[in-house]
Amino acid sequence: MDLKYLTDNFEIPGVLAFSQNENGLIRATVTTPACKAELYLQGAHLTHWQPTGQEPVLFLSECSFFIPGKAIRGGIPIIPHCVS
């Protein structure tokens, strides 16, 4: 999926936004009154979660390069439920 498609079809102004990092990876940013979160589509990986008024909860390795084809180290990989 490309950034324009995601933005045009799924963006919720003020709540869900899509952007691309400098290496072309697409991320979703979720903002609510309770917290802010950032998820990368590559690997369905949660890389940032911060309750409002608090410090960030997740940590990333310095070995996280955020480039296509390379693992994001740290955070939380989100594993979808498989249906057979």
N, C-alpha and C. Protein backbone atom coordinates (compact mmCIF):
# COMPACT_ATOMS: atom_id res chain seq x y z
N MET A 1 0.84 -1.17 0.00
CA MET A 1 0.00 0.00 0.00
C MET A 1 0.89 1.24 0.00
N ASP A 2 0.41 2.25 -0.65
CA ASP A 2 1.20 3.48 -0.67
C ASP A 2 0.59 4.52 0.26
N LEU A 3 1.39 5.53 0.54
CA LEU A 3 1.01 6.56 1.50
C LEU A 3 -0.28 7.28 1.09
N LYS A 4 -0.41 7.63 -0.17
CA LYS A 4 -1.61 8.35 -0.63
C LYS A 4 -2.87 7.51 -0.43
N TYR A 5 -2.80 6.22 -0.77
CA TYR A 5 -3.95 5.33 -0.60
C TYR A 5 -4.36 5.26 0.87
N LEU A 6 -3.38 5.07 1.75
CA LEU A 6 -3.69 4.98 3.18
C LEU A 6 -4.30 6.27 3.69
N THR A 7 -3.69 7.39 3.33
CA THR A 7 -4.20 8.69 3.78
C THR A 7 -5.60 8.94 3.25
N ASP A 8 -5.81 8.70 1.96
CA ASP A 8 -7.12 8.96 1.34
C ASP A 8 -8.22 8.07 1.90
N ASN A 9 -7.90 6.84 2.29
CA ASN A 9 -8.93 5.88 2.68
C ASN A 9 -9.06 5.62 4.17
N PHE A 10 -8.02 5.90 4.93
CA PHE A 10 -8.05 5.51 6.33
C PHE A 10 -7.73 6.61 7.34
N GLU A 11 -7.21 7.73 6.89
CA GLU A 11 -6.86 8.80 7.83
C GLU A 11 -8.10 9.30 8.57
N ILE A 12 -7.93 9.55 9.86
CA ILE A 12 -8.97 10.16 10.69
C ILE A 12 -8.33 11.43 11.25
N PRO A 13 -8.68 12.59 10.71
CA PRO A 13 -8.03 13.83 11.13
C PRO A 13 -8.00 13.99 12.65
N GLY A 14 -6.81 14.27 13.17
CA GLY A 14 -6.63 14.47 14.59
C GLY A 14 -6.49 13.18 15.40
N VAL A 15 -6.70 12.03 14.76
CA VAL A 15 -6.62 10.75 15.47
C VAL A 15 -5.64 9.79 14.80
N LEU A 16 -5.78 9.56 13.50
CA LEU A 16 -4.94 8.62 12.77
C LEU A 16 -4.35 9.30 11.55
N ALA A 17 -3.02 9.33 11.49
CA ALA A 17 -2.33 9.94 10.36
C ALA A 17 -1.25 9.00 9.86
N PHE A 18 -0.96 9.08 8.59
CA PHE A 18 0.08 8.26 7.97
C PHE A 18 1.18 9.17 7.45
N SER A 19 2.42 8.70 7.56
CA SER A 19 3.56 9.45 7.04
C SER A 19 4.65 8.46 6.65
N GLN A 20 5.71 8.99 6.07
CA GLN A 20 6.83 8.18 5.64
C GLN A 20 8.10 8.71 6.29
N ASN A 21 8.98 7.80 6.72
CA ASN A 21 10.25 8.27 7.27
C ASN A 21 11.20 8.57 6.12
N GLU A 22 12.40 9.03 6.45
CA GLU A 22 13.37 9.42 5.42
C GLU A 22 13.83 8.26 4.55
N ASN A 23 13.60 7.02 5.00
CA ASN A 23 13.99 5.84 4.22
C ASN A 23 12.82 5.21 3.48
N GLY A 24 11.65 5.84 3.54
CA GLY A 24 10.50 5.37 2.78
C GLY A 24 9.57 4.42 3.52
N LEU A 25 9.84 4.13 4.80
CA LEU A 25 8.93 3.26 5.54
C LEU A 25 7.69 4.04 5.96
N ILE A 26 6.54 3.41 5.80
CA ILE A 26 5.28 4.06 6.16
C ILE A 26 4.96 3.76 7.62
N ARG A 27 4.53 4.81 8.32
CA ARG A 27 4.14 4.65 9.71
C ARG A 27 2.76 5.28 9.93
N ALA A 28 2.06 4.77 10.91
CA ALA A 28 0.79 5.33 11.34
C ALA A 28 0.99 5.95 12.71
N THR A 29 0.45 7.13 12.90
CA THR A 29 0.49 7.79 14.21
C THR A 29 -0.93 7.90 14.72
N VAL A 30 -1.15 7.39 15.92
CA VAL A 30 -2.47 7.43 16.56
C VAL A 30 -2.37 8.38 17.75
N THR A 31 -3.27 9.35 17.80
CA THR A 31 -3.29 10.32 18.89
C THR A 31 -4.68 10.33 19.51
N THR A 32 -4.73 10.09 20.81
CA THR A 32 -5.99 10.14 21.55
C THR A 32 -5.77 10.98 22.80
N PRO A 33 -6.83 11.33 23.52
CA PRO A 33 -6.63 12.06 24.77
C PRO A 33 -5.79 11.26 25.78
N ALA A 34 -5.79 9.95 25.67
CA ALA A 34 -5.09 9.10 26.64
C ALA A 34 -3.63 8.85 26.30
N CYS A 35 -3.29 8.84 25.00
CA CYS A 35 -1.91 8.49 24.63
C CYS A 35 -1.63 8.81 23.17
N LYS A 36 -0.36 8.60 22.81
CA LYS A 36 0.08 8.73 21.42
C LYS A 36 0.88 7.48 21.09
N ALA A 37 0.68 6.93 19.89
CA ALA A 37 1.37 5.71 19.48
C ALA A 37 1.84 5.85 18.04
N GLU A 38 2.92 5.13 17.72
CA GLU A 38 3.46 5.11 16.36
C GLU A 38 3.70 3.65 15.97
N LEU A 39 3.17 3.28 14.80
CA LEU A 39 3.30 1.92 14.30
C LEU A 39 3.86 1.95 12.90
N TYR A 40 4.82 1.09 12.62
CA TYR A 40 5.36 0.96 11.27
C TYR A 40 4.66 -0.20 10.59
N LEU A 41 4.30 -0.01 9.32
CA LEU A 41 3.65 -1.07 8.58
C LEU A 41 4.60 -2.23 8.33
N GLN A 42 5.88 -1.94 8.14
CA GLN A 42 6.86 -3.02 7.95
C GLN A 42 6.92 -3.82 9.25
N GLY A 43 6.48 -5.04 9.19
CA GLY A 43 6.50 -5.89 10.37
C GLY A 43 5.38 -5.62 11.36
N ALA A 44 4.46 -4.71 11.02
CA ALA A 44 3.38 -4.34 11.94
C ALA A 44 3.95 -4.11 13.33
N HIS A 45 4.84 -3.14 13.44
CA HIS A 45 5.66 -2.96 14.63
C HIS A 45 5.32 -1.67 15.37
N LEU A 46 4.94 -1.81 16.64
CA LEU A 46 4.66 -0.66 17.50
C LEU A 46 6.00 -0.13 18.02
N THR A 47 6.35 1.10 17.66
CA THR A 47 7.66 1.65 18.03
C THR A 47 7.59 2.76 19.06
N HIS A 48 6.41 3.28 19.33
CA HIS A 48 6.28 4.37 20.30
C HIS A 48 4.91 4.29 20.93
N TRP A 49 4.87 4.36 22.26
CA TRP A 49 3.61 4.47 22.99
C TRP A 49 3.89 5.32 24.21
N GLN A 50 3.12 6.40 24.34
CA GLN A 50 3.36 7.34 25.42
C GLN A 50 2.03 7.83 25.98
N PRO A 51 1.75 7.48 27.24
CA PRO A 51 0.55 8.01 27.86
C PRO A 51 0.67 9.54 27.97
N THR A 52 -0.43 10.24 27.82
CA THR A 52 -0.45 11.69 27.89
C THR A 52 0.13 12.16 29.23
N GLY A 53 1.07 13.08 29.13
CA GLY A 53 1.69 13.65 30.32
C GLY A 53 2.75 12.78 30.97
N GLN A 54 3.10 11.66 30.32
CA GLN A 54 4.08 10.73 30.87
C GLN A 54 5.26 10.58 29.91
N GLU A 55 6.29 9.90 30.37
CA GLU A 55 7.43 9.56 29.52
C GLU A 55 7.05 8.42 28.59
N PRO A 56 7.75 8.26 27.45
CA PRO A 56 7.50 7.11 26.57
C PRO A 56 7.70 5.80 27.33
N VAL A 57 6.93 4.79 26.97
CA VAL A 57 6.96 3.50 27.65
C VAL A 57 7.87 2.51 26.93
N LEU A 58 7.96 2.58 25.62
CA LEU A 58 8.73 1.61 24.84
C LEU A 58 10.14 2.11 24.55
N PHE A 59 11.04 1.17 24.35
CA PHE A 59 12.42 1.50 24.05
C PHE A 59 12.84 0.79 22.76
N LEU A 60 13.70 1.44 21.99
CA LEU A 60 14.21 0.87 20.75
C LEU A 60 15.72 0.75 20.84
N SER A 61 16.25 -0.24 20.17
CA SER A 61 17.69 -0.44 20.11
C SER A 61 18.34 0.58 19.18
N GLU A 62 19.60 0.90 19.45
CA GLU A 62 20.36 1.75 18.53
C GLU A 62 20.58 1.03 17.21
N CYS A 63 20.32 -0.27 17.16
CA CYS A 63 20.47 -1.07 15.93
C CYS A 63 19.21 -1.03 15.07
N SER A 64 18.23 -0.23 15.44
CA SER A 64 17.02 -0.07 14.62
C SER A 64 17.29 0.99 13.56
N PHE A 65 17.43 0.55 12.33
CA PHE A 65 17.80 1.47 11.26
C PHE A 65 16.61 2.03 10.50
N PHE A 66 15.43 1.44 10.66
CA PHE A 66 14.21 1.91 10.00
C PHE A 66 14.41 2.04 8.49
N ILE A 67 14.89 0.96 7.89
CA ILE A 67 15.05 0.90 6.43
C ILE A 67 14.35 -0.35 5.91
N PRO A 68 13.87 -0.31 4.67
CA PRO A 68 13.17 -1.46 4.11
C PRO A 68 14.02 -2.73 4.21
N GLY A 69 13.36 -3.80 4.65
CA GLY A 69 14.00 -5.10 4.71
C GLY A 69 14.82 -5.37 5.95
N LYS A 70 15.00 -4.39 6.83
CA LYS A 70 15.77 -4.58 8.06
C LYS A 70 14.82 -4.59 9.26
N ALA A 71 15.12 -5.44 10.22
CA ALA A 71 14.28 -5.56 11.40
C ALA A 71 14.31 -4.29 12.23
N ILE A 72 13.16 -3.97 12.82
CA ILE A 72 13.08 -2.90 13.81
C ILE A 72 13.31 -3.57 15.15
N ARG A 73 14.31 -3.14 15.87
CA ARG A 73 14.69 -3.81 17.12
C ARG A 73 14.18 -3.01 18.32
N GLY A 74 13.36 -3.69 19.11
CA GLY A 74 12.72 -3.07 20.27
C GLY A 74 11.26 -2.81 19.97
N GLY A 75 10.60 -2.10 20.83
CA GLY A 75 9.17 -1.87 20.63
C GLY A 75 8.40 -3.18 20.80
N ILE A 76 7.31 -3.31 20.06
CA ILE A 76 6.48 -4.51 20.13
C ILE A 76 6.08 -4.92 18.72
N PRO A 77 6.52 -6.11 18.26
CA PRO A 77 6.01 -6.59 16.99
C PRO A 77 4.58 -7.09 17.19
N ILE A 78 3.68 -6.66 16.35
CA ILE A 78 2.27 -7.05 16.48
C ILE A 78 2.05 -8.26 15.59
N ILE A 79 1.63 -9.37 16.19
CA ILE A 79 1.45 -10.61 15.45
C ILE A 79 -0.04 -10.84 15.28
N PRO A 80 -0.52 -10.81 14.03
CA PRO A 80 -1.96 -10.99 13.81
C PRO A 80 -2.38 -12.43 14.07
N HIS A 81 -3.62 -12.60 14.43
CA HIS A 81 -4.20 -13.93 14.64
C HIS A 81 -4.36 -14.59 13.28
N CYS A 82 -3.87 -15.80 13.16
CA CYS A 82 -3.97 -16.54 11.89
C CYS A 82 -5.27 -17.33 11.85
N VAL A 83 -5.93 -17.25 10.73
CA VAL A 83 -7.16 -17.99 10.53
C VAL A 83 -6.89 -19.05 9.48
N SER A 84 -7.20 -20.29 9.79
CA SER A 84 -6.94 -21.36 8.80
C SER A 84 -8.18 -21.72 8.03
